PDB file of N, CA and C in Angstrom:
ATOM      1  N   MET A   1      25.984  -4.748 -10.186  1.00  0.00           N
ATOM      2  CA  MET A   1      24.959  -5.177  -9.249  1.00  0.00           C
ATOM      3  C   MET A   1      25.514  -6.327  -8.401  1.00  0.00           C
ATOM      4  N   ARG A   2      25.261  -6.255  -7.113  1.00  0.00           N
ATOM      5  CA  ARG A   2      25.767  -7.290  -6.217  1.00  0.00           C
ATOM      6  C   ARG A   2      24.878  -8.517  -6.259  1.00  0.00           C
ATOM      7  N   LYS A   3      25.487  -9.652  -6.064  1.00  0.00           N
ATOM      8  CA  LYS A   3      24.741 -10.899  -6.041  1.00  0.00           C
ATOM      9  C   LYS A   3      23.980 -11.029  -4.738  1.00  0.00           C
ATOM     10  N   LYS A   4      22.909 -11.826  -4.776  1.00  0.00           N
ATOM     11  CA  LYS A   4      22.042 -12.014  -3.616  1.00  0.00           C
ATOM     12  C   LYS A   4      22.848 -12.454  -2.392  1.00  0.00           C
ATOM     13  N   LYS A   5      23.743 -13.401  -2.569  1.00  0.00           N
ATOM     14  CA  LYS A   5      24.541 -13.922  -1.455  1.00  0.00           C
ATOM     15  C   LYS A   5      25.396 -12.812  -0.838  1.00  0.00           C
ATOM     16  N   GLU A   6      25.991 -11.964  -1.691  1.00  0.00           N
ATOM     17  CA  GLU A   6      26.811 -10.858  -1.202  1.00  0.00           C
ATOM     18  C   GLU A   6      25.974  -9.873  -0.384  1.00  0.00           C
ATOM     19  N   ILE A   7      24.757  -9.617  -0.853  1.00  0.00           N
ATOM     20  CA  ILE A   7      23.866  -8.695  -0.139  1.00  0.00           C
ATOM     21  C   ILE A   7      23.498  -9.264   1.216  1.00  0.00           C
ATOM     22  N   GLU A   8      23.136 -10.561   1.244  1.00  0.00           N
ATOM     23  CA  GLU A   8      22.778 -11.202   2.510  1.00  0.00           C
ATOM     24  C   GLU A   8      23.951 -11.165   3.485  1.00  0.00           C
ATOM     25  N   GLU A   9      25.160 -11.410   2.991  1.00  0.00           N
ATOM     26  CA  GLU A   9      26.341 -11.375   3.857  1.00  0.00           C
ATOM     27  C   GLU A   9      26.628  -9.957   4.332  1.00  0.00           C
ATOM     28  N   ALA A  10      26.481  -8.968   3.440  1.00  0.00           N
ATOM     29  CA  ALA A  10      26.743  -7.577   3.805  1.00  0.00           C
ATOM     30  C   ALA A  10      25.764  -7.104   4.871  1.00  0.00           C
ATOM     31  N   LEU A  11      24.532  -7.569   4.791  1.00  0.00           N
ATOM     32  CA  LEU A  11      23.528  -7.182   5.779  1.00  0.00           C
ATOM     33  C   LEU A  11      23.639  -7.999   7.051  1.00  0.00           C
ATOM     34  N   ASN A  12      24.424  -9.065   6.989  1.00  0.00           N
ATOM     35  CA  ASN A  12      24.597  -9.963   8.125  1.00  0.00           C
ATOM     36  C   ASN A  12      23.251 -10.524   8.586  1.00  0.00           C
ATOM     37  N   LEU A  13      22.448 -10.918   7.618  1.00  0.00           N
ATOM     38  CA  LEU A  13      21.132 -11.463   7.929  1.00  0.00           C
ATOM     39  C   LEU A  13      21.230 -12.943   8.258  1.00  0.00           C
ATOM     40  N   PRO A  14      20.623 -13.363   9.352  1.00  0.00           N
ATOM     41  CA  PRO A  14      20.615 -14.785   9.665  1.00  0.00           C
ATOM     42  C   PRO A  14      19.627 -15.537   8.773  1.00  0.00           C
ATOM     43  N   LEU A  15      18.738 -14.806   8.096  1.00  0.00           N
ATOM     44  CA  LEU A  15      17.750 -15.420   7.220  1.00  0.00           C
ATOM     45  C   LEU A  15      18.159 -15.268   5.764  1.00  0.00           C
ATOM     46  N   THR A  16      17.972 -16.326   4.995  1.00  0.00           N
ATOM     47  CA  THR A  16      18.159 -16.205   3.551  1.00  0.00           C
ATOM     48  C   THR A  16      16.883 -15.581   2.983  1.00  0.00           C
ATOM     49  N   LYS A  17      16.907 -15.228   1.726  1.00  0.00           N
ATOM     50  CA  LYS A  17      15.729 -14.663   1.076  1.00  0.00           C
ATOM     51  C   LYS A  17      14.560 -15.638   1.176  1.00  0.00           C
ATOM     52  N   GLU A  18      14.826 -16.908   0.916  1.00  0.00           N
ATOM     53  CA  GLU A  18      13.784 -17.927   0.959  1.00  0.00           C
ATOM     54  C   GLU A  18      13.204 -18.074   2.364  1.00  0.00           C
ATOM     55  N   GLU A  19      14.064 -18.038   3.371  1.00  0.00           N
ATOM     56  CA  GLU A  19      13.610 -18.140   4.762  1.00  0.00           C
ATOM     57  C   GLU A  19      12.783 -16.910   5.149  1.00  0.00           C
ATOM     58  N   PHE A  20      13.213 -15.747   4.691  1.00  0.00           N
ATOM     59  CA  PHE A  20      12.500 -14.509   4.975  1.00  0.00           C
ATOM     60  C   PHE A  20      11.090 -14.570   4.385  1.00  0.00           C
ATOM     61  N   ILE A  21      10.998 -14.967   3.117  1.00  0.00           N
ATOM     62  CA  ILE A  21       9.700 -15.063   2.453  1.00  0.00           C
ATOM     63  C   ILE A  21       8.819 -16.093   3.153  1.00  0.00           C
ATOM     64  N   SER A  22       9.399 -17.215   3.521  1.00  0.00           N
ATOM     65  CA  SER A  22       8.651 -18.262   4.216  1.00  0.00           C
ATOM     66  C   SER A  22       8.123 -17.749   5.554  1.00  0.00           C
ATOM     67  N   GLU A  23       8.942 -17.013   6.272  1.00  0.00           N
ATOM     68  CA  GLU A  23       8.541 -16.441   7.567  1.00  0.00           C
ATOM     69  C   GLU A  23       7.392 -15.453   7.380  1.00  0.00           C
ATOM     70  N   VAL A  24       7.490 -14.607   6.351  1.00  0.00           N
ATOM     71  CA  VAL A  24       6.419 -13.651   6.067  1.00  0.00           C
ATOM     72  C   VAL A  24       5.126 -14.395   5.763  1.00  0.00           C
ATOM     73  N   GLU A  25       5.184 -15.377   4.869  1.00  0.00           N
ATOM     74  CA  GLU A  25       3.986 -16.134   4.483  1.00  0.00           C
ATOM     75  C   GLU A  25       3.376 -16.859   5.684  1.00  0.00           C
ATOM     76  N   THR A  26       4.211 -17.384   6.562  1.00  0.00           N
ATOM     77  CA  THR A  26       3.719 -18.070   7.765  1.00  0.00           C
ATOM     78  C   THR A  26       2.957 -17.100   8.661  1.00  0.00           C
ATOM     79  N   LEU A  27       3.515 -15.922   8.879  1.00  0.00           N
ATOM     80  CA  LEU A  27       2.850 -14.930   9.720  1.00  0.00           C
ATOM     81  C   LEU A  27       1.527 -14.478   9.105  1.00  0.00           C
ATOM     82  N   VAL A  28       1.498 -14.342   7.796  1.00  0.00           N
ATOM     83  CA  VAL A  28       0.271 -13.923   7.119  1.00  0.00           C
ATOM     84  C   VAL A  28      -0.809 -14.983   7.285  1.00  0.00           C
ATOM     85  N   ARG A  29      -0.437 -16.246   7.079  1.00  0.00           N
ATOM     86  CA  ARG A  29      -1.431 -17.322   7.181  1.00  0.00           C
ATOM     87  C   ARG A  29      -1.780 -17.658   8.632  1.00  0.00           C
ATOM     88  N   ARG A  30      -0.779 -17.913   9.438  1.00  0.00           N
ATOM     89  CA  ARG A  30      -1.006 -18.389  10.803  1.00  0.00           C
ATOM     90  C   ARG A  30      -1.552 -17.307  11.724  1.00  0.00           C
ATOM     91  N   ASP A  31      -0.961 -16.134  11.661  1.00  0.00           N
ATOM     92  CA  ASP A  31      -1.334 -15.058  12.585  1.00  0.00           C
ATOM     93  C   ASP A  31      -2.244 -14.013  11.958  1.00  0.00           C
ATOM     94  N   GLU A  32      -2.647 -14.263  10.725  1.00  0.00           N
ATOM     95  CA  GLU A  32      -3.553 -13.369  10.002  1.00  0.00           C
ATOM     96  C   GLU A  32      -3.049 -11.932   9.954  1.00  0.00           C
ATOM     97  N   MET A  33      -1.752 -11.773   9.794  1.00  0.00           N
ATOM     98  CA  MET A  33      -1.160 -10.447   9.624  1.00  0.00           C
ATOM     99  C   MET A  33      -1.247 -10.066   8.149  1.00  0.00           C
ATOM    100  N   GLY A  34      -1.163  -8.775   7.892  1.00  0.00           N
ATOM    101  CA  GLY A  34      -1.004  -8.320   6.521  1.00  0.00           C
ATOM    102  C   GLY A  34       0.460  -8.504   6.135  1.00  0.00           C
ATOM    103  N   TYR A  35       0.757  -8.412   4.848  1.00  0.00           N
ATOM    104  CA  TYR A  35       2.137  -8.598   4.395  1.00  0.00           C
ATOM    105  C   TYR A  35       3.068  -7.531   4.961  1.00  0.00           C
ATOM    106  N   LEU A  36       2.645  -6.281   4.923  1.00  0.00           N
ATOM    107  CA  LEU A  36       3.489  -5.219   5.463  1.00  0.00           C
ATOM    108  C   LEU A  36       3.691  -5.404   6.962  1.00  0.00           C
ATOM    109  N   GLU A  37       2.623  -5.732   7.654  1.00  0.00           N
ATOM    110  CA  GLU A  37       2.710  -5.955   9.098  1.00  0.00           C
ATOM    111  C   GLU A  37       3.689  -7.089   9.420  1.00  0.00           C
ATOM    112  N   ALA A  38       3.641  -8.172   8.641  1.00  0.00           N
ATOM    113  CA  ALA A  38       4.537  -9.310   8.861  1.00  0.00           C
ATOM    114  C   ALA A  38       5.995  -8.920   8.610  1.00  0.00           C
ATOM    115  N   ILE A  39       6.227  -8.145   7.566  1.00  0.00           N
ATOM    116  CA  ILE A  39       7.595  -7.707   7.248  1.00  0.00           C
ATOM    117  C   ILE A  39       8.140  -6.816   8.358  1.00  0.00           C
ATOM    118  N   ILE A  40       7.339  -5.865   8.812  1.00  0.00           N
ATOM    119  CA  ILE A  40       7.766  -4.976   9.900  1.00  0.00           C
ATOM    120  C   ILE A  40       8.002  -5.769  11.181  1.00  0.00           C
ATOM    121  N   TYR A  41       7.138  -6.736  11.464  1.00  0.00           N
ATOM    122  CA  TYR A  41       7.288  -7.578  12.654  1.00  0.00           C
ATOM    123  C   TYR A  41       8.631  -8.313  12.619  1.00  0.00           C
ATOM    124  N   ILE A  42       8.964  -8.911  11.491  1.00  0.00           N
ATOM    125  CA  ILE A  42      10.238  -9.638  11.354  1.00  0.00           C
ATOM    126  C   ILE A  42      11.408  -8.678  11.551  1.00  0.00           C
ATOM    127  N   CYS A  43      11.297  -7.484  10.970  1.00  0.00           N
ATOM    128  CA  CYS A  43      12.361  -6.487  11.135  1.00  0.00           C
ATOM    129  C   CYS A  43      12.540  -6.107  12.600  1.00  0.00           C
ATOM    130  N   GLU A  44      11.434  -5.893  13.293  1.00  0.00           N
ATOM    131  CA  GLU A  44      11.516  -5.522  14.705  1.00  0.00           C
ATOM    132  C   GLU A  44      12.092  -6.656  15.549  1.00  0.00           C
ATOM    133  N   GLN A  45      11.647  -7.878  15.305  1.00  0.00           N
ATOM    134  CA  GLN A  45      12.111  -9.025  16.083  1.00  0.00           C
ATOM    135  C   GLN A  45      13.608  -9.295  15.896  1.00  0.00           C
ATOM    136  N   ASN A  46      14.113  -9.013  14.693  1.00  0.00           N
ATOM    137  CA  ASN A  46      15.514  -9.293  14.384  1.00  0.00           C
ATOM    138  C   ASN A  46      16.385  -8.046  14.354  1.00  0.00           C
ATOM    139  N   GLU A  47      15.781  -6.905  14.723  1.00  0.00           N
ATOM    140  CA  GLU A  47      16.483  -5.620  14.739  1.00  0.00           C
ATOM    141  C   GLU A  47      17.087  -5.276  13.386  1.00  0.00           C
ATOM    142  N   TYR A  48      16.310  -5.500  12.314  1.00  0.00           N
ATOM    143  CA  TYR A  48      16.712  -5.106  10.968  1.00  0.00           C
ATOM    144  C   TYR A  48      16.132  -3.732  10.688  1.00  0.00           C
ATOM    145  N   ASP A  49      16.875  -2.950   9.939  1.00  0.00           N
ATOM    146  CA  ASP A  49      16.328  -1.716   9.409  1.00  0.00           C
ATOM    147  C   ASP A  49      15.502  -2.118   8.187  1.00  0.00           C
ATOM    148  N   PRO A  50      14.216  -1.736   8.122  1.00  0.00           N
ATOM    149  CA  PRO A  50      13.393  -2.142   6.982  1.00  0.00           C
ATOM    150  C   PRO A  50      14.007  -1.795   5.616  1.00  0.00           C
ATOM    151  N   GLU A  51      14.761  -0.721   5.556  1.00  0.00           N
ATOM    152  CA  GLU A  51      15.415  -0.362   4.294  1.00  0.00           C
ATOM    153  C   GLU A  51      16.454  -1.399   3.878  1.00  0.00           C
ATOM    154  N   ASP A  52      17.019  -2.100   4.846  1.00  0.00           N
ATOM    155  CA  ASP A  52      18.055  -3.089   4.544  1.00  0.00           C
ATOM    156  C   ASP A  52      17.508  -4.382   3.945  1.00  0.00           C
ATOM    157  N   ILE A  53      16.227  -4.630   4.101  1.00  0.00           N
ATOM    158  CA  ILE A  53      15.677  -5.886   3.606  1.00  0.00           C
ATOM    159  C   ILE A  53      14.922  -5.717   2.288  1.00  0.00           C
ATOM    160  N   THR A  54      14.957  -4.536   1.714  1.00  0.00           N
ATOM    161  CA  THR A  54      14.227  -4.307   0.463  1.00  0.00           C
ATOM    162  C   THR A  54      14.691  -5.228  -0.657  1.00  0.00           C
ATOM    163  N   THR A  55      15.936  -5.657  -0.633  1.00  0.00           N
ATOM    164  CA  THR A  55      16.438  -6.557  -1.677  1.00  0.00           C
ATOM    165  C   THR A  55      15.826  -7.948  -1.559  1.00  0.00           C
ATOM    166  N   LEU A  56      15.263  -8.270  -0.414  1.00  0.00           N
ATOM    167  CA  LEU A  56      14.644  -9.580  -0.215  1.00  0.00           C
ATOM    168  C   LEU A  56      13.184  -9.599  -0.673  1.00  0.00           C
ATOM    169  N   ILE A  57      12.658  -8.425  -0.976  1.00  0.00           N
ATOM    170  CA  ILE A  57      11.248  -8.323  -1.356  1.00  0.00           C
ATOM    171  C   ILE A  57      11.156  -8.118  -2.862  1.00  0.00           C
ATOM    172  N   ASN A  58      10.879  -9.203  -3.565  1.00  0.00           N
ATOM    173  CA  ASN A  58      10.659  -9.117  -5.004  1.00  0.00           C
ATOM    174  C   ASN A  58       9.791 -10.279  -5.450  1.00  0.00           C
ATOM    175  N   GLY A  59       9.509 -10.355  -6.721  1.00  0.00           N
ATOM    176  CA  GLY A  59       8.696 -11.438  -7.256  1.00  0.00           C
ATOM    177  C   GLY A  59       7.306 -11.465  -6.653  1.00  0.00           C
ATOM    178  N   PRO A  60       6.815 -12.663  -6.341  1.00  0.00           N
ATOM    179  CA  PRO A  60       5.449 -12.807  -5.811  1.00  0.00           C
ATOM    180  C   PRO A  60       5.210 -12.046  -4.502  1.00  0.00           C
ATOM    181  N   LEU A  61       6.206 -12.001  -3.625  1.00  0.00           N
ATOM    182  CA  LEU A  61       6.029 -11.281  -2.363  1.00  0.00           C
ATOM    183  C   LEU A  61       5.818  -9.792  -2.628  1.00  0.00           C
ATOM    184  N   LYS A  62       6.579  -9.229  -3.528  1.00  0.00           N
ATOM    185  CA  LYS A  62       6.436  -7.813  -3.865  1.00  0.00           C
ATOM    186  C   LYS A  62       5.053  -7.550  -4.462  1.00  0.00           C
ATOM    187  N   GLU A  63       4.602  -8.454  -5.319  1.00  0.00           N
ATOM    188  CA  GLU A  63       3.288  -8.298  -5.942  1.00  0.00           C
ATOM    189  C   GLU A  63       2.174  -8.377  -4.891  1.00  0.00           C
ATOM    190  N   LYS A  64       2.287  -9.306  -3.952  1.00  0.00           N
ATOM    191  CA  LYS A  64       1.280  -9.433  -2.891  1.00  0.00           C
ATOM    192  C   LYS A  64       1.258  -8.191  -2.004  1.00  0.00           C
ATOM    193  N   LEU A  65       2.428  -7.660  -1.718  1.00  0.00           N
ATOM    194  CA  LEU A  65       2.535  -6.442  -0.913  1.00  0.00           C
ATOM    195  C   LEU A  65       1.882  -5.272  -1.645  1.00  0.00           C
ATOM    196  N   LYS A  66       2.132  -5.188  -2.939  1.00  0.00           N
ATOM    197  CA  LYS A  66       1.550  -4.131  -3.756  1.00  0.00           C
ATOM    198  C   LYS A  66       0.023  -4.250  -3.808  1.00  0.00           C
ATOM    199  N   LEU A  67      -0.485  -5.461  -3.998  1.00  0.00           N
ATOM    200  CA  LEU A  67      -1.932  -5.675  -4.049  1.00  0.00           C
ATOM    201  C   LEU A  67      -2.589  -5.350  -2.713  1.00  0.00           C
ATOM    202  N   GLU A  68      -1.913  -5.688  -1.625  1.00  0.00           N
ATOM    203  CA  GLU A  68      -2.429  -5.361  -0.300  1.00  0.00           C
ATOM    204  C   GLU A  68      -2.514  -3.840  -0.130  1.00  0.00           C
ATOM    205  N   ALA A  69      -1.508  -3.134  -0.610  1.00  0.00           N
ATOM    206  CA  ALA A  69      -1.497  -1.669  -0.509  1.00  0.00           C
ATOM    207  C   ALA A  69      -2.625  -1.053  -1.329  1.00  0.00           C
ATOM    208  N   VAL A  70      -2.903  -1.612  -2.502  1.00  0.00           N
ATOM    209  CA  VAL A  70      -4.008  -1.126  -3.324  1.00  0.00           C
ATOM    210  C   VAL A  70      -5.331  -1.388  -2.607  1.00  0.00           C
ATOM    211  N   ARG A  71      -5.488  -2.603  -2.095  1.00  0.00           N
ATOM    212  CA  ARG A  71      -6.726  -2.970  -1.403  1.00  0.00           C
ATOM    213  C   ARG A  71      -6.985  -2.071  -0.196  1.00  0.00           C
ATOM    214  N   ASN A  72      -5.922  -1.663   0.479  1.00  0.00           N
ATOM    215  CA  ASN A  72      -6.048  -0.814   1.669  1.00  0.00           C
ATOM    216  C   ASN A  72      -5.988   0.671   1.342  1.00  0.00           C
ATOM    217  N   ASN A  73      -6.068   0.988   0.049  1.00  0.00           N
ATOM    218  CA  ASN A  73      -6.056   2.377  -0.429  1.00  0.00           C
ATOM    219  C   ASN A  73      -4.793   3.138  -0.026  1.00  0.00           C
ATOM    220  N   VAL A  74      -3.688   2.443   0.068  1.00  0.00           N
ATOM    221  CA  VAL A  74      -2.415   3.091   0.374  1.00  0.00           C
ATOM    222  C   VAL A  74      -1.795   3.615  -0.913  1.00  0.00           C
ATOM    223  N   ILE A  75      -1.960   2.858  -1.993  1.00  0.00           N
ATOM    224  CA  ILE A  75      -1.511   3.292  -3.313  1.00  0.00           C
ATOM    225  C   ILE A  75      -2.658   3.095  -4.295  1.00  0.00           C
ATOM    226  N   LYS A  76      -2.592   3.831  -5.399  1.00  0.00           N
ATOM    227  CA  LYS A  76      -3.622   3.693  -6.424  1.00  0.00           C
ATOM    228  C   LYS A  76      -3.305   2.493  -7.291  1.00  0.00           C
ATOM    229  N   GLY A  77      -4.350   1.851  -7.732  1.00  0.00           N
ATOM    230  CA  GLY A  77      -4.193   0.713  -8.620  1.00  0.00           C
ATOM    231  C   GLY A  77      -5.545   0.264  -9.110  1.00  0.00           C
ATOM    232  N   LYS A  78      -5.520  -0.742  -9.941  1.00  0.00           N
ATOM    233  CA  LYS A  78      -6.765  -1.295 -10.460  1.00  0.00           C
ATOM    234  C   LYS A  78      -7.377  -2.211  -9.418  1.00  0.00           C
ATOM    235  N   LYS A  79      -8.587  -1.932  -9.022  1.00  0.00           N
ATOM    236  CA  LYS A  79      -9.265  -2.738  -8.011  1.00  0.00           C
ATOM    237  C   LYS A  79      -9.455  -4.176  -8.465  1.00  0.00           C
ATOM    238  N   SER A  80      -9.580  -4.423  -9.777  1.00  0.00           N
ATOM    239  CA  SER A  80      -9.788  -5.780 -10.274  1.00  0.00           C
ATOM    240  C   SER A  80      -8.592  -6.677  -9.976  1.00  0.00           C
ATOM    241  N   ASN A  81      -7.409  -6.114  -9.796  1.00  0.00           N
ATOM    242  CA  ASN A  81      -6.216  -6.901  -9.496  1.00  0.00           C
ATOM    243  C   ASN A  81      -6.221  -7.454  -8.075  1.00  0.00           C
ATOM    244  N   THR A  82      -7.005  -6.864  -7.196  1.00  0.00           N
ATOM    245  CA  THR A  82      -6.979  -7.291  -5.804  1.00  0.00           C
ATOM    246  C   THR A  82      -7.606  -8.662  -5.607  1.00  0.00           C
ATOM    247  N   ALA A  83      -8.408  -9.101  -6.540  1.00  0.00           N
ATOM    248  CA  ALA A  83      -9.068 -10.404  -6.410  1.00  0.00           C
ATOM    249  C   ALA A  83      -8.065 -11.533  -6.338  1.00  0.00           C
ATOM    250  N   THR A  84      -6.890 -11.386  -6.957  1.00  0.00           N
ATOM    251  CA  THR A  84      -5.910 -12.451  -6.929  1.00  0.00           C
ATOM    252  C   THR A  84      -5.286 -12.620  -5.563  1.00  0.00           C
ATOM    253  N   LEU A  85      -5.338 -11.590  -4.730  1.00  0.00           N
ATOM    254  CA  LEU A  85      -4.747 -11.678  -3.390  1.00  0.00           C
ATOM    255  C   LEU A  85      -5.701 -12.331  -2.396  1.00  0.00           C
ATOM    256  N   LEU A  86      -6.991 -12.169  -2.613  1.00  0.00           N
ATOM    257  CA  LEU A  86      -7.976 -12.652  -1.642  1.00  0.00           C
ATOM    258  C   LEU A  86      -8.062 -14.131  -1.570  1.00  0.00           C
TER     259      LEU A  86
END
């Protein structure tokens, strides 16, 4: 398995994982975007292929994205879990 730094260098990303997550959270709070919308927006603005940034989406960000998908009926899940995202 490649290390995070190696992946970031291979993708030639100007953003670190922490910067990417911070940018997503800022867009969600400031511009009232959904998590998926914010991720796609960042990809479009920086000309990233969304598949290339999947390694940057894990931990709390991945969980928030998953909860948003459940809330929006994109994937099945327990509705009681969505309360933590609201």
